[in-house]
Amino acid sequence: MTSTPDLGPASPAALRKPVRAPRGTGPQKPPGKLPGGSPRKTPGKTSRHPYLTALSTARARTGLVLVGTVVLAGLLAPLLAGHGPTDQSALSLAAVGTPGHPLGTDDLGRDLLSRVLYGIRADLGIIAIAVPVGAALGCLFALAAATHPVADTIVQRIFDLILAFPGLILALAVTAILGPGRLPVVLVIALAEIPAFGRLLRGGILVQREREYVTAARVGGSSGPRVLVRHILPNAADPLIVQVAVSLTVAVFIEGAMSFLGVGVRPPEPTLGSVLSQSMPYLAQAPHFAAGPLITVTALVLGLSLIAEALNREVRR
């Protein structure tokens, strides 16, 4: 029988020294997590909002440059334009580069650069009012539809009624009642955008209210309106950001079409559509007449489309 050697009494310092577990044993903390469970921040990297990430792409930056250039030109129209938009001169259909008229003049001797710049101002003013009004009314209809099945049916029939009228017929009907001017254009654009925003938000609400976090909020004692406002809407409203960019593009076309047909803003106030309409009889004689409004509308629509595409890709990710 082998006897163990007597090592003697342990020293106080040895008793106070903590015993360390061998490396690789014992409970391990999950990587990237702090003790409270929150994600560990990597030095030098900051989280960005998804929409900021979308707007930082090359496609979105190109769109922002195009839209920003057009908007800035419209806002600075009084400084950039050398003449008033309705001032006439003896130079009828002057060519591009004529002294004092960089883009030439129209058939009445009015400076085309001034008319295009002030036309941008008129278009932006109409769109800036009409699209938010249509978005607000569409969202209100969607919220009303979420409160009760009967209200949902009524709202759906209202959307169907608006969509039953083609855009041109709707524009002519509103203009026949109110006459040409800014107000009919705003009403037509707002009416055309109500179903787009309303149906989009209604579909998002229907999807989100079946999720588990909504059920948990209801079990926790939250009332129906509180659940809708605090939990459902923030998650259902993401596609609306993309719809705003799309609706701005549609609004540019609607305003241009109404002004082109003569049922929009009353002359002699310029809009891009009215300037383009006045150039039609002179395309062969003076093609530069239509170049200014065409290039401006193309840049604005292309820029808005690029921004909408970039935001849509981020939402779908």
C-alpha atoms as a PDB file:
ATOM      1  CA  MET A   1       0.000   0.000   0.000  1.00  0.00           C
ATOM      2  CA  THR A   2       1.489   3.271  -1.166  1.00  0.00           C
ATOM      3  CA  SER A   3       1.316   6.256   1.126  1.00  0.00           C
ATOM      4  CA  THR A   4       0.838   9.834  -0.174  1.00  0.00           C
ATOM      5  CA  PRO A   5       3.532  12.293   0.787  1.00  0.00           C
ATOM      6  CA  ASP A   6       2.612  14.913   3.346  1.00  0.00           C
ATOM      7  CA  LEU A   7       2.800  18.327   1.620  1.00  0.00           C
ATOM      8  CA  GLY A   8       2.244  20.234   4.798  1.00  0.00           C
ATOM      9  CA  PRO A   9      -0.263  22.951   5.525  1.00  0.00           C
ATOM     10  CA  ALA A  10      -1.229  25.288   2.615  1.00  0.00           C
ATOM     11  CA  SER A  11      -0.056  28.871   2.851  1.00  0.00           C
ATOM     12  CA  PRO A  12      -2.625  31.683   3.248  1.00  0.00           C
ATOM     13  CA  ALA A  13      -1.539  33.168  -0.113  1.00  0.00           C
ATOM     14  CA  ALA A  14      -2.260  29.892  -1.868  1.00  0.00           C
ATOM     15  CA  LEU A  15      -5.728  29.715  -0.333  1.00  0.00           C
ATOM     16  CA  ARG A  16      -6.545  33.262  -1.545  1.00  0.00           C
ATOM     17  CA  LYS A  17      -5.370  32.621  -5.106  1.00  0.00           C
ATOM     18  CA  PRO A  18      -8.356  31.906  -7.401  1.00  0.00           C
ATOM     19  CA  VAL A  19      -8.388  28.687  -9.312  1.00  0.00           C
ATOM     20  CA  ARG A  20      -8.583  29.282 -13.093  1.00  0.00           C
ATOM     21  CA  ALA A  21     -10.260  26.863 -15.398  1.00  0.00           C
ATOM     22  CA  PRO A  22      -8.185  25.524 -18.253  1.00  0.00           C
ATOM     23  CA  ARG A  23      -8.479  27.434 -21.505  1.00  0.00           C
ATOM     24  CA  GLY A  24     -11.267  26.157 -23.698  1.00  0.00           C
ATOM     25  CA  THR A  25     -13.431  24.826 -20.849  1.00  0.00           C
ATOM     26  CA  GLY A  26     -16.352  26.325 -19.010  1.00  0.00           C
ATOM     27  CA  PRO A  27     -19.284  28.377 -20.275  1.00  0.00           C
ATOM     28  CA  GLN A  28     -18.412  30.645 -23.207  1.00  0.00           C
ATOM     29  CA  LYS A  29     -20.159  33.947 -24.007  1.00  0.00           C
ATOM     30  CA  PRO A  30     -21.649  34.113 -27.450  1.00  0.00           C
ATOM     31  CA  PRO A  31     -19.479  36.113 -29.825  1.00  0.00           C
ATOM     32  CA  GLY A  32     -20.584  39.596 -30.595  1.00  0.00           C
ATOM     33  CA  LYS A  33     -22.878  39.850 -27.571  1.00  0.00           C
ATOM     34  CA  LEU A  34     -22.564  41.904 -24.423  1.00  0.00           C
ATOM     35  CA  PRO A  35     -23.650  40.457 -21.032  1.00  0.00           C
ATOM     36  CA  GLY A  36     -27.048  42.146 -21.393  1.00  0.00           C
ATOM     37  CA  GLY A  37     -27.703  40.446 -24.717  1.00  0.00           C
ATOM     38  CA  SER A  38     -27.290  43.564 -26.844  1.00  0.00           C
ATOM     39  CA  PRO A  39     -25.116  43.317 -29.954  1.00  0.00           C
ATOM     40  CA  ARG A  40     -21.510  44.302 -29.479  1.00  0.00           C
ATOM     41  CA  LYS A  41     -20.552  47.347 -31.569  1.00  0.00           C
ATOM     42  CA  THR A  42     -17.561  46.937 -33.800  1.00  0.00           C
ATOM     43  CA  PRO A  43     -15.096  49.807 -33.460  1.00  0.00           C
ATOM     44  CA  GLY A  44     -15.149  52.116 -36.450  1.00  0.00           C
ATOM     45  CA  LYS A  45     -18.549  50.900 -37.763  1.00  0.00           C
ATOM     46  CA  THR A  46     -21.878  52.604 -37.106  1.00  0.00           C
ATOM     47  CA  SER A  47     -25.327  51.318 -38.003  1.00  0.00           C
ATOM     48  CA  ARG A  48     -27.140  53.309 -40.675  1.00  0.00           C
ATOM     49  CA  HIS A  49     -30.798  53.646 -41.457  1.00  0.00           C
ATOM     50  CA  PRO A  50     -31.752  51.380 -44.380  1.00  0.00           C
ATOM     51  CA  TYR A  51     -33.080  54.311 -46.407  1.00  0.00           C
ATOM     52  CA  LEU A  52     -29.796  56.170 -45.957  1.00  0.00           C
ATOM     53  CA  THR A  53     -28.051  53.054 -47.190  1.00  0.00           C
ATOM     54  CA  ALA A  54     -30.357  52.959 -50.222  1.00  0.00           C
ATOM     55  CA  LEU A  55     -29.759  56.633 -50.996  1.00  0.00           C
ATOM     56  CA  SER A  56     -25.993  56.114 -50.850  1.00  0.00           C
ATOM     57  CA  THR A  57     -25.984  53.768 -53.847  1.00  0.00           C
ATOM     58  CA  ALA A  58     -24.792  54.954 -57.245  1.00  0.00           C
ATOM     59  CA  ARG A  59     -28.294  54.688 -58.703  1.00  0.00           C
ATOM     60  CA  ALA A  60     -29.835  56.824 -55.966  1.00  0.00           C
ATOM     61  CA  ARG A  61     -27.027  59.385 -56.051  1.00  0.00           C
ATOM     62  CA  THR A  62     -27.547  59.836 -59.780  1.00  0.00           C
ATOM     63  CA  GLY A  63     -31.255  60.355 -59.199  1.00  0.00           C
ATOM     64  CA  LEU A  64     -30.637  62.825 -56.402  1.00  0.00           C
ATOM     65  CA  VAL A  65     -28.284  64.843 -58.606  1.00  0.00           C
ATOM     66  CA  LEU A  66     -30.841  65.008 -61.431  1.00  0.00           C
ATOM     67  CA  VAL A  67     -33.773  65.895 -59.189  1.00  0.00           C
ATOM     68  CA  GLY A  68     -31.712  68.311 -57.121  1.00  0.00           C
ATOM     69  CA  THR A  69     -30.513  70.129 -60.224  1.00  0.00           C
ATOM     70  CA  VAL A  70     -34.052  70.580 -61.544  1.00  0.00           C
ATOM     71  CA  VAL A  71     -35.438  71.640 -58.167  1.00  0.00           C
ATOM     72  CA  LEU A  72     -32.594  74.080 -57.575  1.00  0.00           C
ATOM     73  CA  ALA A  73     -33.083  75.599 -61.029  1.00  0.00           C
ATOM     74  CA  GLY A  74     -36.762  76.114 -60.279  1.00  0.00           C
ATOM     75  CA  LEU A  75     -36.149  77.653 -56.875  1.00  0.00           C
ATOM     76  CA  LEU A  76     -33.536  80.035 -58.286  1.00  0.00           C
ATOM     77  CA  ALA A  77     -35.618  80.985 -61.308  1.00  0.00           C
ATOM     78  CA  PRO A  78     -35.833  84.717 -60.395  1.00  0.00           C
ATOM     79  CA  LEU A  79     -32.026  84.817 -60.185  1.00  0.00           C
ATOM     80  CA  LEU A  80     -31.231  82.671 -63.209  1.00  0.00           C
ATOM     81  CA  ALA A  81     -33.811  84.039 -65.614  1.00  0.00           C
ATOM     82  CA  GLY A  82     -32.814  87.201 -67.398  1.00  0.00           C
ATOM     83  CA  HIS A  83     -36.401  88.044 -68.413  1.00  0.00           C
ATOM     84  CA  GLY A  84     -39.883  87.609 -67.076  1.00  0.00           C
ATOM     85  CA  PRO A  85     -41.738  84.509 -68.265  1.00  0.00           C
ATOM     86  CA  THR A  86     -44.348  86.639 -70.072  1.00  0.00           C
ATOM     87  CA  ASP A  87     -42.092  89.430 -71.383  1.00  0.00           C
ATOM     88  CA  GLN A  88     -42.234  89.666 -75.169  1.00  0.00           C
ATOM     89  CA  SER A  89     -39.654  90.884 -77.645  1.00  0.00           C
ATOM     90  CA  ALA A  90     -39.395  91.373 -81.399  1.00  0.00           C
ATOM     91  CA  LEU A  91     -37.244  88.224 -81.757  1.00  0.00           C
ATOM     92  CA  SER A  92     -39.698  85.487 -82.682  1.00  0.00           C
ATOM     93  CA  LEU A  93     -38.341  81.911 -82.673  1.00  0.00           C
ATOM     94  CA  ALA A  94     -34.789  83.133 -82.096  1.00  0.00           C
ATOM     95  CA  ALA A  95     -32.180  80.389 -82.234  1.00  0.00           C
ATOM     96  CA  VAL A  96     -30.226  78.957 -79.314  1.00  0.00           C
ATOM     97  CA  GLY A  97     -27.368  81.207 -78.268  1.00  0.00           C
ATOM     98  CA  THR A  98     -29.027  84.467 -79.278  1.00  0.00           C
ATOM     99  CA  PRO A  99     -27.579  87.287 -77.111  1.00  0.00           C
ATOM    100  CA  GLY A 100     -29.819  87.686 -74.082  1.00  0.00           C
ATOM    101  CA  HIS A 101     -31.713  84.447 -74.877  1.00  0.00           C
ATOM    102  CA  PRO A 102     -29.519  81.375 -74.251  1.00  0.00           C
ATOM    103  CA  LEU A 103     -32.286  78.910 -75.245  1.00  0.00           C
ATOM    104  CA  GLY A 104     -33.847  81.166 -77.861  1.00  0.00           C
ATOM    105  CA  THR A 105     -37.392  82.535 -77.876  1.00  0.00           C
ATOM    106  CA  ASP A 106     -40.844  81.146 -78.614  1.00  0.00           C
ATOM    107  CA  ASP A 107     -43.317  82.169 -81.297  1.00  0.00           C
ATOM    108  CA  LEU A 108     -44.288  85.288 -79.322  1.00  0.00           C
ATOM    109  CA  GLY A 109     -40.735  86.379 -78.597  1.00  0.00           C
ATOM    110  CA  ARG A 110     -40.728  85.221 -74.981  1.00  0.00           C
ATOM    111  CA  ASP A 111     -37.462  83.959 -73.515  1.00  0.00           C
ATOM    112  CA  LEU A 112     -37.519  80.143 -73.418  1.00  0.00           C
ATOM    113  CA  LEU A 113     -35.029  79.837 -70.549  1.00  0.00           C
ATOM    114  CA  SER A 114     -37.237  82.017 -68.363  1.00  0.00           C
ATOM    115  CA  ARG A 115     -40.379  80.085 -69.312  1.00  0.00           C
ATOM    116  CA  VAL A 116     -38.742  76.718 -68.594  1.00  0.00           C
ATOM    117  CA  LEU A 117     -37.400  77.874 -65.218  1.00  0.00           C
ATOM    118  CA  TYR A 118     -40.711  79.355 -64.143  1.00  0.00           C
ATOM    119  CA  GLY A 119     -42.468  76.299 -65.543  1.00  0.00           C
ATOM    120  CA  ILE A 120     -40.400  74.158 -63.183  1.00  0.00           C
ATOM    121  CA  ARG A 121     -41.521  76.356 -60.282  1.00  0.00           C
ATOM    122  CA  ALA A 122     -45.171  75.971 -61.271  1.00  0.00           C
ATOM    123  CA  ASP A 123     -44.909  72.189 -61.650  1.00  0.00           C
ATOM    124  CA  LEU A 124     -43.062  71.716 -58.374  1.00  0.00           C
ATOM    125  CA  GLY A 125     -45.578  73.873 -56.523  1.00  0.00           C
ATOM    126  CA  ILE A 126     -48.493  71.795 -57.810  1.00  0.00           C
ATOM    127  CA  ILE A 127     -46.798  68.455 -57.142  1.00  0.00           C
ATOM    128  CA  ALA A 128     -45.644  69.473 -53.658  1.00  0.00           C
ATOM    129  CA  ILE A 129     -49.279  70.080 -52.686  1.00  0.00           C
ATOM    130  CA  ALA A 130     -51.112  67.368 -54.621  1.00  0.00           C
ATOM    131  CA  VAL A 131     -49.038  64.305 -53.700  1.00  0.00           C
ATOM    132  CA  PRO A 132     -49.060  64.876 -49.900  1.00  0.00           C
ATOM    133  CA  VAL A 133     -52.810  65.558 -50.013  1.00  0.00           C
ATOM    134  CA  GLY A 134     -53.449  62.348 -51.933  1.00  0.00           C
ATOM    135  CA  ALA A 135     -51.141  60.391 -49.615  1.00  0.00           C
ATOM    136  CA  ALA A 136     -52.829  61.736 -46.485  1.00  0.00           C
ATOM    137  CA  LEU A 137     -56.346  60.993 -47.758  1.00  0.00           C
ATOM    138  CA  GLY A 138     -55.341  57.514 -48.902  1.00  0.00           C
ATOM    139  CA  CYS A 139     -53.788  56.691 -45.523  1.00  0.00           C
ATOM    140  CA  LEU A 140     -56.865  57.978 -43.690  1.00  0.00           C
ATOM    141  CA  PHE A 141     -59.091  55.740 -45.807  1.00  0.00           C
ATOM    142  CA  ALA A 142     -56.797  52.786 -45.073  1.00  0.00           C
ATOM    143  CA  LEU A 143     -56.932  53.448 -41.325  1.00  0.00           C
ATOM    144  CA  ALA A 144     -60.717  53.689 -41.487  1.00  0.00           C
ATOM    145  CA  ALA A 145     -60.845  50.375 -43.353  1.00  0.00           C
ATOM    146  CA  ALA A 146     -58.828  48.720 -40.578  1.00  0.00           C
ATOM    147  CA  THR A 147     -61.373  49.590 -37.895  1.00  0.00           C
ATOM    148  CA  HIS A 148     -64.374  47.523 -39.054  1.00  0.00           C
ATOM    149  CA  PRO A 149     -65.257  45.108 -41.877  1.00  0.00           C
ATOM    150  CA  VAL A 150     -68.150  47.325 -43.013  1.00  0.00           C
ATOM    151  CA  ALA A 151     -65.834  50.337 -43.237  1.00  0.00           C
ATOM    152  CA  ASP A 152     -63.356  48.191 -45.154  1.00  0.00           C
ATOM    153  CA  THR A 153     -66.006  47.329 -47.741  1.00  0.00           C
ATOM    154  CA  ILE A 154     -67.036  50.968 -48.148  1.00  0.00           C
ATOM    155  CA  VAL A 155     -63.442  52.116 -48.547  1.00  0.00           C
ATOM    156  CA  GLN A 156     -62.751  49.417 -51.115  1.00  0.00           C
ATOM    157  CA  ARG A 157     -65.762  50.544 -53.191  1.00  0.00           C
ATOM    158  CA  ILE A 158     -64.509  54.156 -53.031  1.00  0.00           C
ATOM    159  CA  PHE A 159     -61.136  53.047 -54.353  1.00  0.00           C
ATOM    160  CA  ASP A 160     -62.832  51.061 -57.129  1.00  0.00           C
ATOM    161  CA  LEU A 161     -64.919  54.097 -58.069  1.00  0.00           C
ATOM    162  CA  ILE A 162     -61.849  56.306 -58.415  1.00  0.00           C
ATOM    163  CA  LEU A 163     -59.963  53.674 -60.387  1.00  0.00           C
ATOM    164  CA  ALA A 164     -62.930  53.207 -62.722  1.00  0.00           C
ATOM    165  CA  PHE A 165     -62.155  56.584 -64.316  1.00  0.00           C
ATOM    166  CA  PRO A 166     -59.060  56.719 -66.536  1.00  0.00           C
ATOM    167  CA  GLY A 167     -56.719  59.579 -65.701  1.00  0.00           C
ATOM    168  CA  LEU A 168     -57.605  61.586 -68.800  1.00  0.00           C
ATOM    169  CA  ILE A 169     -61.359  61.199 -68.285  1.00  0.00           C
ATOM    170  CA  LEU A 170     -60.980  62.180 -64.637  1.00  0.00           C
ATOM    171  CA  ALA A 171     -58.982  65.271 -65.622  1.00  0.00           C
ATOM    172  CA  LEU A 172     -61.560  66.327 -68.196  1.00  0.00           C
ATOM    173  CA  ALA A 173     -64.424  65.766 -65.750  1.00  0.00           C
ATOM    174  CA  VAL A 174     -62.831  67.838 -62.996  1.00  0.00           C
ATOM    175  CA  THR A 175     -61.885  70.589 -65.448  1.00  0.00           C
ATOM    176  CA  ALA A 176     -65.417  70.663 -66.877  1.00  0.00           C
ATOM    177  CA  ILE A 177     -66.764  71.324 -63.369  1.00  0.00           C
ATOM    178  CA  LEU A 178     -64.128  73.741 -62.047  1.00  0.00           C
ATOM    179  CA  GLY A 179     -62.577  75.110 -65.222  1.00  0.00           C
ATOM    180  CA  PRO A 180     -58.835  75.168 -66.023  1.00  0.00           C
ATOM    181  CA  GLY A 181     -56.374  76.314 -63.373  1.00  0.00           C
ATOM    182  CA  ARG A 182     -54.112  75.111 -60.583  1.00  0.00           C
ATOM    183  CA  LEU A 183     -56.890  73.782 -58.344  1.00  0.00           C
ATOM    184  CA  PRO A 184     -58.242  71.228 -60.859  1.00  0.00           C
ATOM    185  CA  VAL A 185     -54.717  69.918 -61.498  1.00  0.00           C
ATOM    186  CA  VAL A 186     -54.113  69.494 -57.759  1.00  0.00           C
ATOM    187  CA  LEU A 187     -57.461  67.719 -57.317  1.00  0.00           C
ATOM    188  CA  VAL A 188     -56.877  65.346 -60.228  1.00  0.00           C
ATOM    189  CA  ILE A 189     -53.413  64.353 -58.980  1.00  0.00           C
ATOM    190  CA  ALA A 190     -54.645  63.941 -55.398  1.00  0.00           C
ATOM    191  CA  LEU A 191     -57.615  61.808 -56.490  1.00  0.00           C
ATOM    192  CA  ALA A 192     -55.379  59.643 -58.651  1.00  0.00           C
ATOM    193  CA  GLU A 193     -53.009  58.995 -55.729  1.00  0.00           C
ATOM    194  CA  ILE A 194     -55.634  58.148 -53.094  1.00  0.00           C
ATOM    195  CA  PRO A 195     -56.127  54.488 -54.158  1.00  0.00           C
ATOM    196  CA  ALA A 196     -52.386  53.919 -54.563  1.00  0.00           C
ATOM    197  CA  PHE A 197     -51.541  54.943 -50.995  1.00  0.00           C
ATOM    198  CA  GLY A 198     -54.761  53.574 -49.493  1.00  0.00           C
ATOM    199  CA  ARG A 199     -54.475  50.090 -50.945  1.00  0.00           C
ATOM    200  CA  LEU A 200     -50.778  49.872 -50.150  1.00  0.00           C
ATOM    201  CA  LEU A 201     -51.239  50.796 -46.486  1.00  0.00           C
ATOM    202  CA  ARG A 202     -54.358  48.637 -46.135  1.00  0.00           C
ATOM    203  CA  GLY A 203     -52.474  45.595 -47.450  1.00  0.00           C
ATOM    204  CA  GLY A 204     -49.605  46.262 -45.067  1.00  0.00           C
ATOM    205  CA  ILE A 205     -51.979  46.517 -42.106  1.00  0.00           C
ATOM    206  CA  LEU A 206     -53.686  43.236 -43.040  1.00  0.00           C
ATOM    207  CA  VAL A 207     -50.324  41.479 -43.171  1.00  0.00           C
ATOM    208  CA  GLN A 208     -48.886  42.950 -39.979  1.00  0.00           C
ATOM    209  CA  ARG A 209     -51.886  42.453 -37.712  1.00  0.00           C
ATOM    210  CA  GLU A 210     -51.569  38.678 -38.097  1.00  0.00           C
ATOM    211  CA  ARG A 211     -48.000  38.671 -36.776  1.00  0.00           C
ATOM    212  CA  GLU A 212     -47.072  37.291 -33.370  1.00  0.00           C
ATOM    213  CA  TYR A 213     -45.913  40.611 -31.933  1.00  0.00           C
ATOM    214  CA  VAL A 214     -49.393  42.056 -32.516  1.00  0.00           C
ATOM    215  CA  THR A 215     -50.960  39.115 -30.687  1.00  0.00           C
ATOM    216  CA  ALA A 216     -48.499  39.599 -27.833  1.00  0.00           C
ATOM    217  CA  ALA A 217     -49.399  43.292 -27.602  1.00  0.00           C
ATOM    218  CA  ARG A 218     -53.107  42.469 -27.431  1.00  0.00           C
ATOM    219  CA  VAL A 219     -52.527  39.809 -24.779  1.00  0.00           C
ATOM    220  CA  GLY A 220     -50.530  42.398 -22.840  1.00  0.00           C
ATOM    221  CA  GLY A 221     -53.621  44.574 -22.577  1.00  0.00           C
ATOM    222  CA  SER A 222     -53.034  47.122 -25.358  1.00  0.00           C
ATOM    223  CA  SER A 223     -56.188  48.497 -26.931  1.00  0.00           C
ATOM    224  CA  GLY A 224     -56.947  48.201 -30.647  1.00  0.00           C
ATOM    225  CA  PRO A 225     -56.066  51.813 -31.566  1.00  0.00           C
ATOM    226  CA  ARG A 226     -52.857  51.632 -29.536  1.00  0.00           C
ATOM    227  CA  VAL A 227     -51.801  48.413 -31.247  1.00  0.00           C
ATOM    228  CA  LEU A 228     -52.563  49.956 -34.632  1.00  0.00           C
ATOM    229  CA  VAL A 229     -50.642  53.171 -34.018  1.00  0.00           C
ATOM    230  CA  ARG A 230     -47.734  51.906 -31.886  1.00  0.00           C
ATOM    231  CA  HIS A 231     -47.068  48.504 -33.435  1.00  0.00           C
ATOM    232  CA  ILE A 232     -48.701  47.943 -36.825  1.00  0.00           C
ATOM    233  CA  LEU A 233     -48.260  51.303 -38.575  1.00  0.00           C
ATOM    234  CA  PRO A 234     -44.462  51.635 -38.097  1.00  0.00           C
ATOM    235  CA  ASN A 235     -43.993  48.239 -39.766  1.00  0.00           C
ATOM    236  CA  ALA A 236     -46.626  48.702 -42.485  1.00  0.00           C
ATOM    237  CA  ALA A 237     -45.517  52.177 -43.568  1.00  0.00           C
ATOM    238  CA  ASP A 238     -42.166  51.260 -45.171  1.00  0.00           C
ATOM    239  CA  PRO A 239     -43.560  50.766 -48.705  1.00  0.00           C
ATOM    240  CA  LEU A 240     -45.174  54.202 -48.519  1.00  0.00           C
ATOM    241  CA  ILE A 241     -41.741  55.839 -48.792  1.00  0.00           C
ATOM    242  CA  VAL A 242     -41.217  54.133 -52.134  1.00  0.00           C
ATOM    243  CA  GLN A 243     -44.743  55.048 -53.232  1.00  0.00           C
ATOM    244  CA  VAL A 244     -44.024  58.733 -52.607  1.00  0.00           C
ATOM    245  CA  ALA A 245     -41.202  58.688 -55.163  1.00  0.00           C
ATOM    246  CA  VAL A 246     -43.373  56.772 -57.638  1.00  0.00           C
ATOM    247  CA  SER A 247     -46.300  59.147 -57.117  1.00  0.00           C
ATOM    248  CA  LEU A 248     -44.099  62.178 -57.741  1.00  0.00           C
ATOM    249  CA  THR A 249     -43.192  60.668 -61.108  1.00  0.00           C
ATOM    250  CA  VAL A 250     -46.851  60.024 -61.948  1.00  0.00           C
ATOM    251  CA  ALA A 251     -47.751  63.564 -60.865  1.00  0.00           C
ATOM    252  CA  VAL A 252     -45.207  65.022 -63.293  1.00  0.00           C
ATOM    253  CA  PHE A 253     -46.872  63.116 -66.143  1.00  0.00           C
ATOM    254  CA  ILE A 254     -50.407  64.085 -65.087  1.00  0.00           C
ATOM    255  CA  GLU A 255     -49.610  67.777 -64.795  1.00  0.00           C
ATOM    256  CA  GLY A 256     -47.708  67.745 -68.072  1.00  0.00           C
ATOM    257  CA  ALA A 257     -50.536  65.959 -69.869  1.00  0.00           C
ATOM    258  CA  MET A 258     -53.192  68.337 -68.567  1.00  0.00           C
ATOM    259  CA  SER A 259     -51.152  71.394 -69.504  1.00  0.00           C
ATOM    260  CA  PHE A 260     -50.326  69.871 -72.887  1.00  0.00           C
ATOM    261  CA  LEU A 261     -54.044  69.409 -73.596  1.00  0.00           C
ATOM    262  CA  GLY A 262     -54.888  72.922 -72.441  1.00  0.00           C
ATOM    263  CA  VAL A 263     -56.896  71.913 -69.367  1.00  0.00           C
ATOM    264  CA  GLY A 264     -54.182  72.673 -66.820  1.00  0.00           C
ATOM    265  CA  VAL A 265     -52.738  75.955 -65.615  1.00  0.00           C
ATOM    266  CA  ARG A 266     -54.142  78.896 -67.513  1.00  0.00           C
ATOM    267  CA  PRO A 267     -51.862  80.739 -69.954  1.00  0.00           C
ATOM    268  CA  PRO A 268     -49.804  82.839 -70.101  1.00  0.00           C
ATOM    269  CA  GLU A 269     -48.416  81.313 -66.889  1.00  0.00           C
ATOM    270  CA  PRO A 270     -45.825  78.779 -68.065  1.00  0.00           C
ATOM    271  CA  THR A 271     -45.622  75.112 -67.168  1.00  0.00           C
ATOM    272  CA  LEU A 272     -43.419  72.484 -68.746  1.00  0.00           C
ATOM    273  CA  GLY A 273     -46.426  70.872 -70.408  1.00  0.00           C
ATOM    274  CA  SER A 274     -47.783  74.133 -71.810  1.00  0.00           C
ATOM    275  CA  VAL A 275     -44.386  75.181 -73.210  1.00  0.00           C
ATOM    276  CA  LEU A 276     -44.082  71.783 -74.868  1.00  0.00           C
ATOM    277  CA  SER A 277     -47.598  72.067 -76.275  1.00  0.00           C
ATOM    278  CA  GLN A 278     -46.867  75.493 -77.778  1.00  0.00           C
ATOM    279  CA  SER A 279     -43.776  74.093 -79.513  1.00  0.00           C
ATOM    280  CA  MET A 280     -45.608  71.383 -81.464  1.00  0.00           C
ATOM    281  CA  PRO A 281     -46.447  73.486 -84.568  1.00  0.00           C
ATOM    282  CA  TYR A 282     -42.807  74.599 -84.835  1.00  0.00           C
ATOM    283  CA  LEU A 283     -40.907  71.317 -84.439  1.00  0.00           C
ATOM    284  CA  ALA A 284     -39.607  71.350 -87.999  1.00  0.00           C
ATOM    285  CA  GLN A 285     -38.870  75.072 -88.064  1.00  0.00           C
ATOM    286  CA  ALA A 286     -37.472  75.496 -84.526  1.00  0.00           C
ATOM    287  CA  PRO A 287     -36.750  72.153 -82.796  1.00  0.00           C
ATOM    288  CA  HIS A 288     -34.995  73.975 -79.950  1.00  0.00           C
ATOM    289  CA  PHE A 289     -38.438  75.239 -78.891  1.00  0.00           C
ATOM    290  CA  ALA A 290     -39.284  71.789 -77.449  1.00  0.00           C
ATOM    291  CA  ALA A 291     -35.781  70.869 -76.275  1.00  0.00           C
ATOM    292  CA  GLY A 292     -35.874  72.774 -72.979  1.00  0.00           C
ATOM    293  CA  PRO A 293     -39.096  71.323 -71.499  1.00  0.00           C
ATOM    294  CA  LEU A 294     -38.363  67.849 -72.905  1.00  0.00           C
ATOM    295  CA  ILE A 295     -34.920  67.641 -71.329  1.00  0.00           C
ATOM    296  CA  THR A 296     -36.216  69.014 -68.026  1.00  0.00           C
ATOM    297  CA  VAL A 297     -39.128  66.570 -67.796  1.00  0.00           C
ATOM    298  CA  THR A 298     -36.859  63.669 -68.780  1.00  0.00           C
ATOM    299  CA  ALA A 299     -34.278  64.565 -66.114  1.00  0.00           C
ATOM    300  CA  LEU A 300     -36.935  64.959 -63.425  1.00  0.00           C
ATOM    301  CA  VAL A 301     -38.750  61.710 -64.237  1.00  0.00           C
ATOM    302  CA  LEU A 302     -35.522  59.738 -64.636  1.00  0.00           C
ATOM    303  CA  GLY A 303     -34.161  61.028 -61.325  1.00  0.00           C
ATOM    304  CA  LEU A 304     -37.339  60.186 -59.426  1.00  0.00           C
ATOM    305  CA  SER A 305     -37.457  56.731 -61.017  1.00  0.00           C
ATOM    306  CA  LEU A 306     -33.869  55.992 -59.981  1.00  0.00           C
ATOM    307  CA  ILE A 307     -34.586  57.061 -56.400  1.00  0.00           C
ATOM    308  CA  ALA A 308     -37.760  54.952 -56.285  1.00  0.00           C
ATOM    309  CA  GLU A 309     -35.893  51.920 -57.624  1.00  0.00           C
ATOM    310  CA  ALA A 310     -33.130  52.270 -55.034  1.00  0.00           C
ATOM    311  CA  LEU A 311     -35.622  52.594 -52.172  1.00  0.00           C
ATOM    312  CA  ASN A 312     -37.672  49.666 -53.483  1.00  0.00           C
ATOM    313  CA  ARG A 313     -34.639  47.386 -53.497  1.00  0.00           C
ATOM    314  CA  GLU A 314     -33.885  48.297 -49.894  1.00  0.00           C
ATOM    315  CA  VAL A 315     -37.481  47.656 -48.780  1.00  0.00           C
ATOM    316  CA  ARG A 316     -37.567  44.240 -50.482  1.00  0.00           C
ATOM    317  CA  ARG A 317     -34.247  43.170 -48.948  1.00  0.00           C
END
